[in-house]
Amino acid sequence: MRIEDVLTPNICVCRTEEGRFLDDVKQTMLETIVPKSDSEDIMVVLGEHRGQVGRILQRDKDQSRAMVQLDRYEEKVFTLDYDSICHYVGGGDH
């Protein structure tokens, strides 16, 4: 399932793999997906850097967190919980 539109900070519209649209989906009903490949983009969904896009540099599966490099802060590396990041499938012009 993919988020198609964000209506409010807590409500969105989603599209299933079959193409069916689901309206009024609450944020509490969603779960983030961390990409399997480090070459795929991520987006920060919680915290100070919410909305920023980047990529995973290293994973700590035991602690459920990742070291990420955000596009806006190329010189810095951030350690974020898996719950704070998700697979980003938006446009490539971030």
Foldseek 3Di string as FASTA:
>chain_A
DAFDADPDLFFTWDADPVGDIDGGDGNVNDAAAADPDQVFKKAFCDDDRHGFIWTFDADDVVQQWTWTATPVHNPDIDIGHVRGMHGDPDDPPD
